[in-house]
Amino acid sequence: MADVATKHPMEDEVKKTEASSLVGKLETDVEIKASADKFHHMFAGKPHHVSKASPGNIQGCDLHEGDWGTVGSIVFWNYVHDGEAKVAKERIEAVEPDKNLITFRVIEGDLMKEYKSFLLTIQVTPKPGGPGSIVHWHLEYEKISEEVAHPETLLQFCVEVSKEIDEHLLAEEEEVKTPETPSLVGKLETDVEIKASAEKFHHMFAGKPHHVSKASPGNIQGCDLHEGDWGQVGSIVFWNYVHGKGKGG
């Protein structure tokens, strides 16, 4: 008679318990005075400006792949946490503008020394019955071992960054810019039928005008951002183009 392996009923339970003890979640809310959409845009549209708002915590954010605020894009952070300079390469997992929500998954960097996986979700909600918003931070992670601490200090880091971004946004709102009044006024209009969607064509000028030179290299040699952010009121862009002969403006 063949031997029959005896299965101990507790084996599966122990494995599940050990695995679940390595998985954790941390959440917190931060009250801010800035609007929900402006705070969300700091992470979705211009995370490279977070270092201006919180220079003691964030030294920089670079785009490695894709476009800002687009699912699948890769961003690279330089930051200081617990008194040490650190880095994090993150992939954007989800973006929901109508909910002011963005999720980042850490794929490389210092956090990966202690965690198998790490997700950060930031959702900003307008405060009911008054001005201001609530920033909800949600950290979801799996530790590599029991010896690794839960990232409470990183959550506090997120709170500090949130408060400094809030101050930065409020300071921007207080700036008063007086537009120049043109001495001569004129208008020219025309219509062009295209096969592309209206949204995608608009985004070429609002979100990535620096890509227009790839689409029309014979006419546009380049577009650089001199002040502000792509597609934002008050921002300054500089074009190099050919119209009769090479010009800049």
C-alpha atoms as a PDB file:
ATOM      1  CA  MET A   1       0.000   0.000   0.000  1.00  0.00           C
ATOM      2  CA  ALA A   2       1.436   3.362  -1.001  1.00  0.00           C
ATOM      3  CA  ASP A   3       2.383   5.810   1.708  1.00  0.00           C
ATOM      4  CA  VAL A   4      -0.008   8.731   2.082  1.00  0.00           C
ATOM      5  CA  ALA A   5       1.478  12.072   3.065  1.00  0.00           C
ATOM      6  CA  THR A   6      -0.123  13.476   6.162  1.00  0.00           C
ATOM      7  CA  LYS A   7      -1.085  17.145   5.884  1.00  0.00           C
ATOM      8  CA  HIS A   8      -0.967  19.142   9.072  1.00  0.00           C
ATOM      9  CA  PRO A   9      -3.987  21.481   9.133  1.00  0.00           C
ATOM     10  CA  MET A  10      -2.066  24.276  10.847  1.00  0.00           C
ATOM     11  CA  GLU A  11       0.614  24.586   8.137  1.00  0.00           C
ATOM     12  CA  ASP A  12      -1.460  26.751   5.796  1.00  0.00           C
ATOM     13  CA  GLU A  13      -2.663  28.933   8.658  1.00  0.00           C
ATOM     14  CA  VAL A  14       0.886  29.605   9.810  1.00  0.00           C
ATOM     15  CA  LYS A  15       1.964  30.622   6.298  1.00  0.00           C
ATOM     16  CA  LYS A  16      -0.977  32.968   5.948  1.00  0.00           C
ATOM     17  CA  THR A  17      -0.363  34.488   9.354  1.00  0.00           C
ATOM     18  CA  GLU A  18       3.308  35.086   8.618  1.00  0.00           C
ATOM     19  CA  ALA A  19       2.522  36.613   5.239  1.00  0.00           C
ATOM     20  CA  SER A  20      -0.242  38.846   6.570  1.00  0.00           C
ATOM     21  CA  SER A  21       1.939  40.145   9.411  1.00  0.00           C
ATOM     22  CA  LEU A  22       4.340  41.540   6.806  1.00  0.00           C
ATOM     23  CA  VAL A  23       1.582  43.390   4.973  1.00  0.00           C
ATOM     24  CA  GLY A  24       0.398  46.699   6.318  1.00  0.00           C
ATOM     25  CA  LYS A  25      -1.484  49.923   5.679  1.00  0.00           C
ATOM     26  CA  LEU A  26      -1.076  53.394   7.142  1.00  0.00           C
ATOM     27  CA  GLU A  27      -3.416  56.323   6.549  1.00  0.00           C
ATOM     28  CA  THR A  28      -3.769  59.904   7.680  1.00  0.00           C
ATOM     29  CA  ASP A  29      -5.647  63.096   6.805  1.00  0.00           C
ATOM     30  CA  VAL A  30      -4.149  66.578   6.551  1.00  0.00           C
ATOM     31  CA  GLU A  31      -6.310  69.709   6.536  1.00  0.00           C
ATOM     32  CA  ILE A  32      -5.120  72.384   4.115  1.00  0.00           C
ATOM     33  CA  LYS A  33      -6.360  75.792   2.995  1.00  0.00           C
ATOM     34  CA  ALA A  34      -5.548  75.343  -0.694  1.00  0.00           C
ATOM     35  CA  SER A  35      -8.062  73.967  -3.184  1.00  0.00           C
ATOM     36  CA  ALA A  36      -8.213  70.223  -3.846  1.00  0.00           C
ATOM     37  CA  ASP A  37      -7.480  70.508  -7.567  1.00  0.00           C
ATOM     38  CA  LYS A  38      -4.407  72.714  -7.063  1.00  0.00           C
ATOM     39  CA  PHE A  39      -2.905  70.378  -4.477  1.00  0.00           C
ATOM     40  CA  HIS A  40      -3.615  67.354  -6.682  1.00  0.00           C
ATOM     41  CA  HIS A  41      -1.972  69.108  -9.627  1.00  0.00           C
ATOM     42  CA  MET A  42       1.245  69.501  -7.633  1.00  0.00           C
ATOM     43  CA  PHE A  43       1.690  65.711  -7.741  1.00  0.00           C
ATOM     44  CA  ALA A  44      -0.123  64.919 -10.998  1.00  0.00           C
ATOM     45  CA  GLY A  45       0.966  67.848 -13.163  1.00  0.00           C
ATOM     46  CA  LYS A  46       4.114  69.340 -11.677  1.00  0.00           C
ATOM     47  CA  PRO A  47       5.786  67.111  -9.075  1.00  0.00           C
ATOM     48  CA  HIS A  48       9.098  68.685 -10.128  1.00  0.00           C
ATOM     49  CA  HIS A  49       7.852  71.814  -8.306  1.00  0.00           C
ATOM     50  CA  VAL A  50       7.350  70.049  -4.973  1.00  0.00           C
ATOM     51  CA  SER A  51      11.015  70.738  -4.187  1.00  0.00           C
ATOM     52  CA  LYS A  52      10.267  74.479  -4.359  1.00  0.00           C
ATOM     53  CA  ALA A  53       7.468  74.073  -1.836  1.00  0.00           C
ATOM     54  CA  SER A  54       9.304  71.698   0.512  1.00  0.00           C
ATOM     55  CA  PRO A  55      13.053  72.090  -0.141  1.00  0.00           C
ATOM     56  CA  GLY A  56      14.054  70.615   3.213  1.00  0.00           C
ATOM     57  CA  ASN A  57      12.312  67.334   2.392  1.00  0.00           C
ATOM     58  CA  ILE A  58      12.301  67.076  -1.412  1.00  0.00           C
ATOM     59  CA  GLN A  59      15.426  67.893  -3.411  1.00  0.00           C
ATOM     60  CA  GLY A  60      14.011  67.098  -6.831  1.00  0.00           C
ATOM     61  CA  CYS A  61      11.722  65.040  -9.038  1.00  0.00           C
ATOM     62  CA  ASP A  62      12.646  64.034 -12.588  1.00  0.00           C
ATOM     63  CA  LEU A  63      10.553  62.446 -15.306  1.00  0.00           C
ATOM     64  CA  HIS A  64      12.281  59.281 -16.574  1.00  0.00           C
ATOM     65  CA  GLU A  65       9.554  57.889 -18.856  1.00  0.00           C
ATOM     66  CA  GLY A  66       6.204  59.065 -20.237  1.00  0.00           C
ATOM     67  CA  ASP A  67       4.466  62.318 -19.317  1.00  0.00           C
ATOM     68  CA  TRP A  68       3.663  63.956 -16.002  1.00  0.00           C
ATOM     69  CA  GLY A  69       0.445  62.647 -14.471  1.00  0.00           C
ATOM     70  CA  THR A  70       0.044  59.754 -16.922  1.00  0.00           C
ATOM     71  CA  VAL A  71      -0.463  56.128 -15.894  1.00  0.00           C
ATOM     72  CA  GLY A  72       2.664  54.082 -16.576  1.00  0.00           C
ATOM     73  CA  SER A  73       5.032  57.043 -16.425  1.00  0.00           C
ATOM     74  CA  ILE A  74       8.183  56.764 -14.303  1.00  0.00           C
ATOM     75  CA  VAL A  75       9.309  59.532 -11.933  1.00  0.00           C
ATOM     76  CA  PHE A  76      12.472  59.685  -9.837  1.00  0.00           C
ATOM     77  CA  TRP A  77      12.540  61.440  -6.448  1.00  0.00           C
ATOM     78  CA  ASN A  78      15.469  62.759  -4.417  1.00  0.00           C
ATOM     79  CA  TYR A  79      14.423  63.338  -0.812  1.00  0.00           C
ATOM     80  CA  VAL A  80      15.633  63.484   2.797  1.00  0.00           C
ATOM     81  CA  HIS A  81      13.967  61.125   5.281  1.00  0.00           C
ATOM     82  CA  ASP A  82      15.100  60.478   8.855  1.00  0.00           C
ATOM     83  CA  GLY A  83      18.087  62.734   8.238  1.00  0.00           C
ATOM     84  CA  GLU A  84      19.375  60.713   5.281  1.00  0.00           C
ATOM     85  CA  ALA A  85      19.429  61.534   1.571  1.00  0.00           C
ATOM     86  CA  LYS A  86      17.397  58.918  -0.281  1.00  0.00           C
ATOM     87  CA  VAL A  87      15.973  58.161  -3.729  1.00  0.00           C
ATOM     88  CA  ALA A  88      12.831  56.524  -5.055  1.00  0.00           C
ATOM     89  CA  LYS A  89      11.858  55.523  -8.575  1.00  0.00           C
ATOM     90  CA  GLU A  90       8.082  55.304  -8.875  1.00  0.00           C
ATOM     91  CA  ARG A  91       5.585  54.265 -11.532  1.00  0.00           C
ATOM     92  CA  ILE A  92       2.247  56.057 -11.699  1.00  0.00           C
ATOM     93  CA  GLU A  93      -0.368  53.339 -11.166  1.00  0.00           C
ATOM     94  CA  ALA A  94      -3.592  55.371 -11.224  1.00  0.00           C
ATOM     95  CA  VAL A  95      -4.768  58.914 -11.915  1.00  0.00           C
ATOM     96  CA  GLU A  96      -8.366  60.040 -11.369  1.00  0.00           C
ATOM     97  CA  PRO A  97      -8.629  63.819 -11.913  1.00  0.00           C
ATOM     98  CA  ASP A  98     -12.337  63.887 -11.014  1.00  0.00           C
ATOM     99  CA  LYS A  99     -11.429  62.473  -7.590  1.00  0.00           C
ATOM    100  CA  ASN A 100      -8.115  64.367  -7.295  1.00  0.00           C
ATOM    101  CA  LEU A 101      -6.433  60.985  -6.793  1.00  0.00           C
ATOM    102  CA  ILE A 102      -3.038  59.668  -7.832  1.00  0.00           C
ATOM    103  CA  THR A 103      -1.250  56.427  -6.900  1.00  0.00           C
ATOM    104  CA  PHE A 104       2.493  55.780  -7.101  1.00  0.00           C
ATOM    105  CA  ARG A 105       4.188  52.363  -6.894  1.00  0.00           C
ATOM    106  CA  VAL A 106       7.809  52.357  -5.734  1.00  0.00           C
ATOM    107  CA  ILE A 107       9.866  50.157  -8.083  1.00  0.00           C
ATOM    108  CA  GLU A 108      13.448  51.074  -7.124  1.00  0.00           C
ATOM    109  CA  GLY A 109      15.298  52.979  -4.426  1.00  0.00           C
ATOM    110  CA  ASP A 110      15.894  52.987  -0.684  1.00  0.00           C
ATOM    111  CA  LEU A 111      12.420  51.764   0.283  1.00  0.00           C
ATOM    112  CA  MET A 112      12.987  48.572  -1.700  1.00  0.00           C
ATOM    113  CA  LYS A 113      15.766  47.642   0.746  1.00  0.00           C
ATOM    114  CA  GLU A 114      13.107  47.023   3.411  1.00  0.00           C
ATOM    115  CA  TYR A 115       9.853  46.475   1.516  1.00  0.00           C
ATOM    116  CA  LYS A 116       8.857  44.003  -1.191  1.00  0.00           C
ATOM    117  CA  SER A 117       6.176  46.392  -2.408  1.00  0.00           C
ATOM    118  CA  PHE A 118       5.149  49.940  -1.571  1.00  0.00           C
ATOM    119  CA  LEU A 119       2.231  52.009  -2.871  1.00  0.00           C
ATOM    120  CA  LEU A 120       1.349  55.596  -2.014  1.00  0.00           C
ATOM    121  CA  THR A 121      -2.071  57.020  -2.818  1.00  0.00           C
ATOM    122  CA  ILE A 122      -2.873  60.716  -2.436  1.00  0.00           C
ATOM    123  CA  GLN A 123      -6.504  61.820  -2.643  1.00  0.00           C
ATOM    124  CA  VAL A 124      -7.643  65.384  -2.007  1.00  0.00           C
ATOM    125  CA  THR A 125     -11.262  66.206  -1.176  1.00  0.00           C
ATOM    126  CA  PRO A 126     -12.833  69.666  -0.865  1.00  0.00           C
ATOM    127  CA  LYS A 127     -13.701  70.395   2.743  1.00  0.00           C
ATOM    128  CA  PRO A 128     -17.493  70.213   3.270  1.00  0.00           C
ATOM    129  CA  GLY A 129     -19.146  73.503   4.132  1.00  0.00           C
ATOM    130  CA  GLY A 130     -16.182  75.764   3.686  1.00  0.00           C
ATOM    131  CA  PRO A 131     -12.914  76.641   1.961  1.00  0.00           C
ATOM    132  CA  GLY A 132      -9.944  74.330   2.064  1.00  0.00           C
ATOM    133  CA  SER A 133      -9.452  70.617   1.508  1.00  0.00           C
ATOM    134  CA  ILE A 134      -8.565  67.327   3.154  1.00  0.00           C
ATOM    135  CA  VAL A 135      -5.477  65.478   1.886  1.00  0.00           C
ATOM    136  CA  HIS A 136      -5.764  61.728   2.489  1.00  0.00           C
ATOM    137  CA  TRP A 137      -2.511  59.751   2.405  1.00  0.00           C
ATOM    138  CA  HIS A 138      -2.725  55.962   2.091  1.00  0.00           C
ATOM    139  CA  LEU A 139       0.427  53.839   2.319  1.00  0.00           C
ATOM    140  CA  GLU A 140       0.164  50.148   1.439  1.00  0.00           C
ATOM    141  CA  TYR A 141       3.232  47.941   1.774  1.00  0.00           C
ATOM    142  CA  GLU A 142       4.783  44.521   2.371  1.00  0.00           C
ATOM    143  CA  LYS A 143       7.875  44.303   4.582  1.00  0.00           C
ATOM    144  CA  ILE A 144      10.725  41.941   3.718  1.00  0.00           C
ATOM    145  CA  SER A 145      10.910  40.716   7.331  1.00  0.00           C
ATOM    146  CA  GLU A 146       9.453  41.189  10.799  1.00  0.00           C
ATOM    147  CA  GLU A 147      12.504  43.246  11.792  1.00  0.00           C
ATOM    148  CA  VAL A 148      11.492  46.056   9.436  1.00  0.00           C
ATOM    149  CA  ALA A 149       9.525  48.825  11.131  1.00  0.00           C
ATOM    150  CA  HIS A 150       6.201  50.104   9.863  1.00  0.00           C
ATOM    151  CA  PRO A 151       6.756  53.377   7.977  1.00  0.00           C
ATOM    152  CA  GLU A 152       5.252  55.742  10.561  1.00  0.00           C
ATOM    153  CA  THR A 153       8.073  58.257  10.105  1.00  0.00           C
ATOM    154  CA  LEU A 154       7.472  58.284   6.351  1.00  0.00           C
ATOM    155  CA  LEU A 155       3.800  59.035   6.968  1.00  0.00           C
ATOM    156  CA  GLN A 156       4.824  61.995   9.144  1.00  0.00           C
ATOM    157  CA  PHE A 157       7.153  63.042   6.331  1.00  0.00           C
ATOM    158  CA  CYS A 158       4.124  63.115   3.995  1.00  0.00           C
ATOM    159  CA  VAL A 159       2.240  65.293   6.490  1.00  0.00           C
ATOM    160  CA  GLU A 160       5.101  67.811   6.636  1.00  0.00           C
ATOM    161  CA  VAL A 161       5.386  67.949   2.847  1.00  0.00           C
ATOM    162  CA  SER A 162       1.615  68.489   2.573  1.00  0.00           C
ATOM    163  CA  LYS A 163       1.696  71.475   4.928  1.00  0.00           C
ATOM    164  CA  GLU A 164       4.575  73.098   3.074  1.00  0.00           C
ATOM    165  CA  ILE A 165       2.891  72.576  -0.294  1.00  0.00           C
ATOM    166  CA  ASP A 166      -0.214  74.228   1.157  1.00  0.00           C
ATOM    167  CA  GLU A 167       1.811  77.290   2.212  1.00  0.00           C
ATOM    168  CA  HIS A 168       3.437  77.420  -1.220  1.00  0.00           C
ATOM    169  CA  LEU A 169       0.097  77.322  -3.043  1.00  0.00           C
ATOM    170  CA  LEU A 170      -1.390  80.019  -0.831  1.00  0.00           C
ATOM    171  CA  ALA A 171       1.619  82.258  -1.468  1.00  0.00           C
ATOM    172  CA  GLU A 172       1.171  81.797  -5.216  1.00  0.00           C
ATOM    173  CA  GLU A 173      -2.480  82.838  -4.969  1.00  0.00           C
ATOM    174  CA  GLU A 174      -1.499  86.095  -3.285  1.00  0.00           C
ATOM    175  CA  GLU A 175       0.764  87.128  -6.118  1.00  0.00           C
ATOM    176  CA  VAL A 176      -0.897  89.762  -8.258  1.00  0.00           C
ATOM    177  CA  LYS A 177       0.045  89.884 -11.904  1.00  0.00           C
ATOM    178  CA  THR A 178      -1.097  92.778 -14.063  1.00  0.00           C
ATOM    179  CA  PRO A 179      -1.260  91.860 -17.754  1.00  0.00           C
ATOM    180  CA  GLU A 180       0.003  94.332 -20.314  1.00  0.00           C
ATOM    181  CA  THR A 181      -2.602  96.243 -22.305  1.00  0.00           C
ATOM    182  CA  PRO A 182      -1.917  95.991 -26.038  1.00  0.00           C
ATOM    183  CA  SER A 183      -1.812  99.283 -27.934  1.00  0.00           C
ATOM    184  CA  LEU A 184      -2.891  97.679 -31.204  1.00  0.00           C
ATOM    185  CA  VAL A 185      -5.515  94.957 -31.313  1.00  0.00           C
ATOM    186  CA  GLY A 186      -6.260  92.516 -34.115  1.00  0.00           C
ATOM    187  CA  LYS A 187      -7.758  89.095 -34.710  1.00  0.00           C
ATOM    188  CA  LEU A 188      -7.359  86.398 -37.337  1.00  0.00           C
ATOM    189  CA  GLU A 189      -9.248  83.115 -37.319  1.00  0.00           C
ATOM    190  CA  THR A 190      -9.474  79.946 -39.386  1.00  0.00           C
ATOM    191  CA  ASP A 191     -10.720  76.380 -39.085  1.00  0.00           C
ATOM    192  CA  VAL A 192      -8.763  73.219 -39.894  1.00  0.00           C
ATOM    193  CA  GLU A 193     -10.394  69.801 -40.073  1.00  0.00           C
ATOM    194  CA  ILE A 194      -8.309  67.015 -38.505  1.00  0.00           C
ATOM    195  CA  LYS A 195      -8.793  63.286 -37.904  1.00  0.00           C
ATOM    196  CA  ALA A 196      -7.285  63.272 -34.403  1.00  0.00           C
ATOM    197  CA  SER A 197      -9.435  63.776 -31.315  1.00  0.00           C
ATOM    198  CA  ALA A 198      -9.955  67.311 -29.998  1.00  0.00           C
ATOM    199  CA  GLU A 199      -8.570  66.332 -26.598  1.00  0.00           C
ATOM    200  CA  LYS A 200      -5.296  64.926 -27.964  1.00  0.00           C
ATOM    201  CA  PHE A 201      -4.699  67.899 -30.273  1.00  0.00           C
ATOM    202  CA  HIS A 202      -5.376  70.353 -27.424  1.00  0.00           C
ATOM    203  CA  HIS A 203      -2.961  68.456 -25.157  1.00  0.00           C
ATOM    204  CA  MET A 204      -0.146  68.945 -27.696  1.00  0.00           C
ATOM    205  CA  PHE A 205      -0.254  72.696 -26.983  1.00  0.00           C
ATOM    206  CA  ALA A 206      -1.513  72.683 -23.394  1.00  0.00           C
ATOM    207  CA  GLY A 207       0.378  69.724 -21.947  1.00  0.00           C
ATOM    208  CA  LYS A 208       3.381  69.035 -24.158  1.00  0.00           C
ATOM    209  CA  PRO A 209       4.136  71.867 -26.628  1.00  0.00           C
ATOM    210  CA  HIS A 210       7.791  70.761 -26.438  1.00  0.00           C
ATOM    211  CA  HIS A 211       6.652  67.759 -28.527  1.00  0.00           C
ATOM    212  CA  VAL A 212       5.299  69.910 -31.389  1.00  0.00           C
ATOM    213  CA  SER A 213       8.779  70.046 -32.926  1.00  0.00           C
ATOM    214  CA  LYS A 214       8.638  66.258 -33.333  1.00  0.00           C
ATOM    215  CA  ALA A 215       5.345  66.553 -35.210  1.00  0.00           C
ATOM    216  CA  SER A 216       6.336  69.549 -37.353  1.00  0.00           C
ATOM    217  CA  PRO A 217      10.159  69.726 -37.468  1.00  0.00           C
ATOM    218  CA  GLY A 218      10.211  71.836 -40.617  1.00  0.00           C
ATOM    219  CA  ASN A 219       8.252  74.616 -38.921  1.00  0.00           C
ATOM    220  CA  ILE A 220       8.960  74.264 -35.192  1.00  0.00           C
ATOM    221  CA  GLN A 221      12.523  73.751 -33.939  1.00  0.00           C
ATOM    222  CA  GLY A 222      11.712  73.746 -30.230  1.00  0.00           C
ATOM    223  CA  CYS A 223       9.644  75.040 -27.330  1.00  0.00           C
ATOM    224  CA  ASP A 224      11.093  75.721 -23.864  1.00  0.00           C
ATOM    225  CA  LEU A 225       9.362  76.549 -20.595  1.00  0.00           C
ATOM    226  CA  HIS A 226      10.825  79.756 -19.132  1.00  0.00           C
ATOM    227  CA  GLU A 227       8.433  80.353 -16.221  1.00  0.00           C
ATOM    228  CA  GLY A 228       5.558  78.486 -14.585  1.00  0.00           C
ATOM    229  CA  ASP A 229       4.164  75.176 -15.834  1.00  0.00           C
ATOM    230  CA  TRP A 230       3.003  73.742 -19.139  1.00  0.00           C
ATOM    231  CA  GLY A 231      -0.602  74.685 -19.868  1.00  0.00           C
ATOM    232  CA  GLN A 232      -0.974  77.073 -16.919  1.00  0.00           C
ATOM    233  CA  VAL A 233      -2.225  80.671 -17.077  1.00  0.00           C
ATOM    234  CA  GLY A 234       0.641  83.120 -16.644  1.00  0.00           C
ATOM    235  CA  SER A 235       3.364  80.680 -17.703  1.00  0.00           C
ATOM    236  CA  ILE A 236       6.030  81.794 -20.207  1.00  0.00           C
ATOM    237  CA  VAL A 237       7.096  79.612 -23.143  1.00  0.00           C
ATOM    238  CA  PHE A 238       9.743  80.297 -25.786  1.00  0.00           C
ATOM    239  CA  TRP A 239       9.356  79.058 -29.370  1.00  0.00           C
ATOM    240  CA  ASN A 240      11.960  78.551 -32.083  1.00  0.00           C
ATOM    241  CA  TYR A 241      10.251  78.361 -35.468  1.00  0.00           C
ATOM    242  CA  VAL A 242      10.736  78.921 -39.191  1.00  0.00           C
ATOM    243  CA  HIS A 243       8.473  81.433 -40.934  1.00  0.00           C
ATOM    244  CA  GLY A 244      10.168  82.752 -44.020  1.00  0.00           C
ATOM    245  CA  LYS A 245      13.458  82.553 -42.093  1.00  0.00           C
ATOM    246  CA  GLY A 246      14.503  81.336 -38.643  1.00  0.00           C
ATOM    247  CA  LYS A 247      12.982  83.307 -35.779  1.00  0.00           C
ATOM    248  CA  GLY A 248      12.478  83.014 -32.037  1.00  0.00           C
ATOM    249  CA  GLY A 249       9.646  84.388 -29.914  1.00  0.00           C
END
